Amino acid sequence: MRVFQIQDDWGMDHLQLATRPDPRPGPGEVLIRMKAASLNYRDLLVPGRGYGSFTGNLPLIPLSDGVGEVVETGAGVTRVKAGDRVCPCFHQGWIAGAPDLERLTQTLGGPRDGTMADLMCLSQEGVVKAPAHLSDEEAATLPCAALTAWSALVTYDALAPGSRVLVQGTGGVALFAIQFAKLLGAHVTVISSSDAKLARAKALGADAGINYATTPEWAKATREITGGRGYDHIVELGGEKTLPQSLRAIRPGGTLSMIGVLSGPSLAAPLGLVVTRQVRLQGITVGHRDGFEAMMRAVGEHGLRPVIDRVFGFAALKEAMAYLKSGAHFGKVCIRH
């Protein structure tokens, strides 16, 4: 089978198209013929061993998101059958419950082989059926970006109609956060450095937008939007440079979902605001299978469609990664197998 793998040494130069023997399913396992994959910011870090020892060992097949068709099942498999279309779970060992080190370190695309392969062999416990109304490329976007947004807004919060949510940027997680927040009946504000992207976010359902390039003190600008009350939930994707302003924009008792560190990994924020206003700072690392299945039901029930920016062929993985790194995209960048 074809694979893309990081081989010989770490670094993008060592990410190459190669072949491996076709896998076969053992007891409790399913063999999946992959149909599509999608990219996340995480995938840009893995070739450079960006997660240290948790990145895994070489050779390593990258990418964490994908969808495929079950073509064979091992003995004892009951969750799915041949012909089912399934998405692999990012956390292969986290079915439900609270996270622990073991549950958080069995992730696809490092340290475990990821979705850039013609075939994947996984435990039946590590796959979830994909919504029938979605294309392969659309379904491939769901395991990481969509579940991250769902975990932030649903699993770890209790937003109600009329809640106010602020979303940073217009990447994959951000756009799913807009869609899920609107499903919950929330008012959504988006910040971006692009007026064109803000307009597209509003077309997707966002109620307000702020260009942080032309309005650097965007936290001040949110006061009018919230009537001085602040946001119930902020989807924090920037990190170092955005967190200080997020702490000024969140309401007392509100939740800050720390998801990304796109502007820097260091913490340089007025922590007194966390304490005196009883703000909850919640780290989000995708989510468990129970949450994934709940999200899939919601996506199917409401006919939600992921936003796809561009689809590349299998052999064009490096070009797709370069495009993602450029930041020109609006929505998900996908790979068609």
Protein backbone atom coordinates (compact mmCIF):
# COMPACT_ATOMS: atom_id res chain seq x y z
CA MET A 1 0.00 0.00 0.00
CA ARG A 2 1.01 3.64 -0.48
CA VAL A 3 1.96 5.68 2.54
CA PHE A 4 3.51 9.02 3.26
CA GLN A 5 6.01 8.63 6.08
CA ILE A 6 8.72 10.53 7.89
CA GLN A 7 11.69 8.23 7.50
CA ASP A 8 15.40 8.13 8.33
CA ASP A 9 15.35 11.38 10.30
CA TRP A 10 13.03 14.13 11.52
CA GLY A 11 12.27 17.10 9.30
CA MET A 12 10.02 17.97 6.37
CA ASP A 13 12.76 16.91 3.93
CA HIS A 14 12.36 13.35 5.25
CA LEU A 15 8.60 13.21 4.64
CA GLN A 16 8.37 10.95 1.60
CA LEU A 17 6.01 8.81 -0.42
CA ALA A 18 6.74 5.11 0.23
CA THR A 19 5.13 1.66 0.34
CA ARG A 20 4.40 -0.77 3.15
CA PRO A 21 2.88 -4.25 3.22
CA ASP A 22 -0.91 -4.32 3.43
CA PRO A 23 -2.04 -4.83 7.06
CA ARG A 24 -4.51 -7.51 8.11
CA PRO A 25 -6.99 -7.26 10.99
CA GLY A 26 -6.56 -9.39 14.09
CA PRO A 27 -9.24 -10.18 16.71
CA GLY A 28 -11.23 -7.07 17.58
CA GLU A 29 -9.69 -5.07 14.73
CA VAL A 30 -11.02 -3.53 11.52
CA LEU A 31 -9.26 -2.92 8.20
CA ILE A 32 -10.17 0.44 6.65
CA ARG A 33 -9.56 1.57 3.09
CA MET A 34 -8.95 5.28 3.53
CA LYS A 35 -10.91 7.67 1.32
CA ALA A 36 -9.76 11.10 2.50
CA ALA A 37 -7.74 12.91 5.12
CA SER A 38 -7.56 16.48 6.39
CA LEU A 39 -4.82 18.67 7.81
CA ASN A 40 -4.47 20.33 11.21
CA TYR A 41 -1.87 22.76 12.52
CA ARG A 42 -0.51 19.86 14.57
CA ASP A 43 0.54 18.13 11.35
CA LEU A 44 2.97 20.95 10.58
CA LEU A 45 4.78 20.34 13.89
CA VAL A 46 5.06 16.55 13.83
CA PRO A 47 7.74 16.25 11.08
CA GLY A 48 10.04 18.44 13.19
CA ARG A 49 9.36 16.26 16.25
CA GLY A 50 7.40 19.13 17.70
CA TYR A 51 5.93 17.03 20.51
CA GLY A 52 9.24 15.65 21.72
CA SER A 53 9.17 12.02 22.82
CA PHE A 54 5.38 12.00 22.44
CA THR A 55 5.78 12.50 18.67
CA GLY A 56 6.72 8.82 18.30
CA ASN A 57 9.42 6.88 16.47
CA LEU A 58 10.46 6.64 12.84
CA PRO A 59 9.25 5.74 10.33
CA LEU A 60 5.99 7.53 11.16
CA ILE A 61 2.89 8.04 8.99
CA PRO A 62 1.54 11.57 9.63
CA LEU A 63 -1.93 13.18 9.82
CA SER A 64 -4.58 12.58 12.43
CA ASP A 65 -7.86 13.11 10.55
CA GLY A 66 -9.50 10.92 7.97
CA VAL A 67 -12.36 8.73 6.83
CA GLY A 68 -12.53 5.36 5.12
CA GLU A 69 -14.60 2.27 4.42
CA VAL A 70 -14.36 -0.89 6.50
CA VAL A 71 -13.28 -3.64 4.11
CA GLU A 72 -12.59 -6.47 6.55
CA THR A 73 -13.19 -7.23 10.22
CA GLY A 74 -11.37 -9.50 12.63
CA ALA A 75 -12.91 -12.04 14.96
CA GLY A 76 -15.27 -10.64 17.58
CA VAL A 77 -15.94 -7.28 15.90
CA THR A 78 -19.48 -6.05 16.59
CA ARG A 79 -19.31 -2.23 16.52
CA VAL A 80 -19.03 -1.96 12.73
CA LYS A 81 -19.23 -4.17 9.65
CA ALA A 82 -17.72 -4.31 6.17
CA GLY A 83 -19.09 -1.49 4.06
CA ASP A 84 -19.49 0.98 6.93
CA ARG A 85 -17.87 4.37 6.49
CA VAL A 86 -15.93 5.32 9.62
CA CYS A 87 -13.65 7.99 11.02
CA PRO A 88 -10.71 6.92 13.18
CA CYS A 89 -10.64 8.53 16.63
CA PHE A 90 -7.68 10.82 17.24
CA HIS A 91 -7.30 9.45 20.79
CA GLN A 92 -7.32 5.71 20.16
CA GLY A 93 -7.30 4.89 23.86
CA TRP A 94 -9.75 7.48 25.24
CA ILE A 95 -13.26 6.07 25.10
CA ALA A 96 -14.86 8.05 27.93
CA GLY A 97 -14.19 9.52 31.34
CA ALA A 98 -11.44 11.78 32.59
CA PRO A 99 -8.15 12.02 30.69
CA ASP A 100 -4.97 10.43 31.97
CA LEU A 101 -1.50 9.99 30.50
CA GLU A 102 -2.27 6.67 28.82
CA ARG A 103 -5.51 7.95 27.27
CA LEU A 104 -3.85 11.09 25.94
CA THR A 105 -0.77 9.47 24.38
CA GLN A 106 -2.28 6.98 21.91
CA THR A 107 -2.88 9.59 19.23
CA LEU A 108 -2.90 9.15 15.46
CA GLY A 109 -0.27 10.94 13.42
CA GLY A 110 2.23 10.67 16.27
CA PRO A 111 3.08 8.63 18.22
CA ARG A 112 0.82 6.16 16.36
CA ASP A 113 0.79 5.97 12.56
CA GLY A 114 -1.75 8.34 11.03
CA THR A 115 -4.12 8.56 8.11
CA MET A 116 -1.79 9.09 5.12
CA ALA A 117 -2.01 5.44 4.10
CA ASP A 118 -4.18 3.51 1.69
CA LEU A 119 -5.14 1.10 4.48
CA MET A 120 -5.38 1.39 8.27
CA CYS A 121 -5.85 -1.41 10.78
CA LEU A 122 -7.36 -0.21 14.07
CA SER A 123 -9.22 -1.53 17.07
CA GLN A 124 -12.98 -1.52 16.59
CA GLU A 125 -13.08 0.65 19.73
CA GLY A 126 -11.16 3.39 17.92
CA VAL A 127 -13.56 4.14 15.07
CA VAL A 128 -16.90 5.96 14.78
CA LYS A 129 -19.44 5.83 11.95
CA ALA A 130 -19.49 8.95 9.77
CA PRO A 131 -22.69 10.92 9.00
CA ALA A 132 -24.25 9.69 5.77
CA HIS A 133 -24.95 13.15 4.27
CA LEU A 134 -21.29 14.20 4.15
CA SER A 135 -18.79 13.69 1.34
CA ASP A 136 -15.60 11.81 2.14
CA GLU A 137 -13.63 15.05 2.33
CA GLU A 138 -16.21 16.63 4.65
CA ALA A 139 -16.28 13.60 6.94
CA ALA A 140 -12.47 13.56 7.07
CA THR A 141 -12.46 16.94 8.82
CA LEU A 142 -14.37 15.76 11.90
CA PRO A 143 -12.06 13.76 14.22
CA CYS A 144 -9.84 16.61 15.46
CA ALA A 145 -11.02 20.11 14.56
CA ALA A 146 -14.73 19.45 14.94
CA LEU A 147 -14.43 17.40 18.12
CA THR A 148 -12.13 20.02 19.66
CA ALA A 149 -14.79 22.69 19.15
CA TRP A 150 -17.53 20.35 20.40
CA SER A 151 -15.56 19.42 23.52
CA ALA A 152 -14.98 23.08 24.33
CA LEU A 153 -18.56 24.26 23.87
CA VAL A 154 -20.58 21.17 24.80
CA THR A 155 -18.62 18.57 26.77
CA TYR A 156 -16.91 21.07 29.09
CA ASP A 157 -19.52 23.83 29.22
CA ALA A 158 -23.29 24.21 29.47
CA LEU A 159 -24.08 27.01 27.04
CA ALA A 160 -27.73 27.98 26.60
CA PRO A 161 -29.59 30.00 24.00
CA GLY A 162 -28.54 33.61 24.34
CA SER A 163 -25.04 32.80 25.59
CA ARG A 164 -22.26 34.91 24.15
CA VAL A 165 -19.27 33.20 22.55
CA LEU A 166 -16.11 34.72 21.09
CA VAL A 167 -14.11 32.72 18.54
CA GLN A 168 -10.56 33.59 17.51
CA GLY A 169 -9.73 33.27 13.83
CA THR A 170 -11.26 31.38 10.94
CA GLY A 171 -9.34 28.09 10.91
CA GLY A 172 -10.87 24.65 11.17
CA VAL A 173 -11.61 24.65 14.91
CA ALA A 174 -12.87 28.23 14.78
CA LEU A 175 -15.38 27.58 11.99
CA PHE A 176 -16.70 24.47 13.70
CA ALA A 177 -17.02 26.51 16.90
CA ILE A 178 -19.16 29.06 15.05
CA GLN A 179 -21.41 26.34 13.68
CA PHE A 180 -21.81 24.49 16.99
CA ALA A 181 -22.36 27.71 18.96
CA LYS A 182 -25.14 28.70 16.58
CA LEU A 183 -26.71 25.24 16.96
CA LEU A 184 -26.83 25.99 20.71
CA GLY A 185 -28.52 29.33 20.09
CA ALA A 186 -25.53 31.45 21.11
CA HIS A 187 -24.52 34.90 19.89
CA VAL A 188 -21.10 34.58 18.22
CA THR A 189 -18.34 37.15 17.76
CA VAL A 190 -15.33 36.35 15.56
CA ILE A 191 -11.98 38.14 15.50
CA SER A 192 -9.73 37.95 12.43
CA SER A 193 -7.09 40.04 10.67
CA SER A 194 -9.05 39.80 7.38
CA ASP A 195 -12.27 41.69 6.61
CA ALA A 196 -12.95 39.23 3.79
CA LYS A 197 -12.72 36.28 6.19
CA LEU A 198 -14.93 38.10 8.71
CA ALA A 199 -17.55 38.52 6.01
CA ARG A 200 -17.43 34.81 5.25
CA ALA A 201 -17.67 33.98 8.96
CA LYS A 202 -20.81 36.12 9.18
CA ALA A 203 -22.24 34.30 6.19
CA LEU A 204 -21.64 31.08 8.13
CA GLY A 205 -23.67 32.44 11.07
CA ALA A 206 -21.41 34.70 13.14
CA ASP A 207 -23.26 37.71 14.52
CA ALA A 208 -20.37 40.17 14.92
CA GLY A 209 -16.77 40.52 13.78
CA ILE A 210 -13.71 42.50 14.81
CA ASN A 211 -10.59 42.99 12.72
CA TYR A 212 -7.77 42.76 15.26
CA ALA A 213 -5.27 44.15 12.74
CA THR A 214 -7.13 47.46 12.53
CA THR A 215 -8.44 47.23 16.12
CA PRO A 216 -5.49 45.90 18.16
CA GLU A 217 -7.30 46.49 21.48
CA TRP A 218 -10.13 44.22 20.42
CA ALA A 219 -11.11 43.42 24.00
CA LYS A 220 -12.29 47.02 24.38
CA ALA A 221 -14.31 46.74 21.18
CA THR A 222 -16.18 43.73 22.56
CA ARG A 223 -17.68 45.72 25.42
CA GLU A 224 -20.27 47.31 23.18
CA ILE A 225 -21.13 43.94 21.63
CA THR A 226 -21.77 42.35 25.04
CA GLY A 227 -23.22 45.44 26.71
CA GLY A 228 -20.27 45.46 29.09
CA ARG A 229 -21.15 42.00 30.42
CA GLY A 230 -18.38 40.02 28.76
CA TYR A 231 -18.43 36.65 27.03
CA ASP A 232 -19.68 33.42 28.56
CA HIS A 233 -17.13 31.42 26.57
CA ILE A 234 -14.02 32.32 24.56
CA VAL A 235 -12.45 29.81 22.17
CA GLU A 236 -8.81 30.75 22.77
CA LEU A 237 -6.65 29.80 19.80
CA GLY A 238 -3.97 32.50 19.86
CA GLY A 239 -2.27 31.84 23.16
CA GLU A 240 0.50 34.15 24.29
CA LYS A 241 -0.60 37.38 22.58
CA THR A 242 -4.38 36.91 22.78
CA LEU A 243 -4.86 35.49 26.27
CA PRO A 244 -4.34 38.82 28.10
CA GLN A 245 -7.14 40.41 26.06
CA SER A 246 -9.34 37.33 26.41
CA LEU A 247 -9.10 37.68 30.18
CA ARG A 248 -10.42 41.23 29.85
CA ALA A 249 -13.24 40.16 27.53
CA ILE A 250 -14.52 37.12 29.47
CA ARG A 251 -17.31 37.63 32.00
CA PRO A 252 -16.85 36.79 35.68
CA GLY A 253 -17.40 33.04 35.97
CA GLY A 254 -16.93 32.52 32.24
CA THR A 255 -14.89 29.80 30.51
CA LEU A 256 -11.76 30.23 28.42
CA SER A 257 -11.08 27.14 26.32
CA MET A 258 -7.32 27.01 25.74
CA ILE A 259 -6.96 25.21 22.43
CA GLY A 260 -4.17 26.80 20.42
CA VAL A 261 -0.93 28.70 20.89
CA LEU A 262 -0.65 30.17 17.40
CA SER A 263 0.79 33.49 18.64
CA GLY A 264 3.24 31.92 21.10
CA PRO A 265 3.42 29.23 23.80
CA SER A 266 4.41 31.31 26.84
CA LEU A 267 2.04 32.51 29.55
CA ALA A 268 2.24 36.27 30.09
CA ALA A 269 -1.20 37.24 31.33
CA PRO A 270 -2.70 39.04 34.37
CA LEU A 271 -3.50 35.92 36.38
CA GLY A 272 -5.21 38.00 39.05
CA LEU A 273 -8.15 38.33 36.64
CA VAL A 274 -8.52 34.53 36.66
CA VAL A 275 -8.73 34.46 40.45
CA THR A 276 -10.71 37.60 41.27
CA ARG A 277 -13.29 36.99 38.54
CA GLN A 278 -13.40 33.22 39.05
CA VAL A 279 -12.65 32.51 35.39
CA ARG A 280 -12.30 28.87 34.35
CA LEU A 281 -9.25 28.24 32.13
CA GLN A 282 -9.97 24.87 30.48
CA GLY A 283 -7.38 23.08 28.38
CA ILE A 284 -8.83 21.15 25.43
CA THR A 285 -7.03 18.32 23.67
CA VAL A 286 -9.62 17.13 21.12
CA GLY A 287 -11.89 14.75 23.13
CA HIS A 288 -13.03 11.21 23.85
CA ARG A 289 -15.01 8.75 21.74
CA ASP A 290 -18.26 9.29 23.66
CA GLY A 291 -18.08 12.98 22.80
CA PHE A 292 -17.21 12.16 19.19
CA GLU A 293 -20.28 9.96 18.82
CA ALA A 294 -22.52 12.61 20.41
CA MET A 295 -21.11 15.19 18.01
CA MET A 296 -21.65 12.89 15.03
CA ARG A 297 -25.32 12.54 15.99
CA ALA A 298 -25.69 16.32 16.18
CA VAL A 299 -23.95 16.81 12.81
CA GLY A 300 -26.26 14.24 11.21
CA GLU A 301 -29.44 15.53 12.86
CA HIS A 302 -28.85 19.14 11.83
CA GLY A 303 -27.29 18.42 8.44
CA LEU A 304 -24.22 20.46 9.36
CA ARG A 305 -21.59 20.68 6.63
CA PRO A 306 -17.92 21.39 7.33
CA VAL A 307 -16.27 24.24 5.45
CA ILE A 308 -13.62 22.99 3.02
CA ASP A 309 -11.18 25.41 1.46
CA ARG A 310 -9.23 23.17 -0.91
CA VAL A 311 -8.68 19.49 -1.74
CA PHE A 312 -5.28 18.10 -2.81
CA GLY A 313 -4.36 14.72 -4.26
CA PHE A 314 -2.58 12.07 -2.17
CA ALA A 315 0.82 12.72 -3.73
CA ALA A 316 0.51 16.47 -3.10
CA LEU A 317 0.72 16.23 0.70
CA LYS A 318 3.68 18.58 0.98
CA GLU A 319 1.96 21.17 -1.20
CA ALA A 320 -1.13 20.91 0.99
CA MET A 321 0.96 21.40 4.14
CA ALA A 322 2.67 24.46 2.63
CA TYR A 323 -0.74 25.90 1.77
CA LEU A 324 -1.98 25.35 5.34
CA LYS A 325 1.16 26.99 6.71
CA SER A 326 0.57 30.05 4.51
CA GLY A 327 -2.62 30.88 6.40
CA ALA A 328 -4.46 31.70 3.19
CA HIS A 329 -7.14 29.08 3.80
CA PHE A 330 -10.68 29.56 5.09
CA GLY A 331 -11.84 26.21 6.43
CA LYS A 332 -10.23 22.82 6.12
CA VAL A 333 -7.49 21.66 3.75
CA CYS A 334 -8.13 18.08 2.65
CA ILE A 335 -6.40 15.19 0.91
CA ARG A 336 -8.29 12.88 -1.46
CA HIS A 337 -6.92 9.32 -1.35
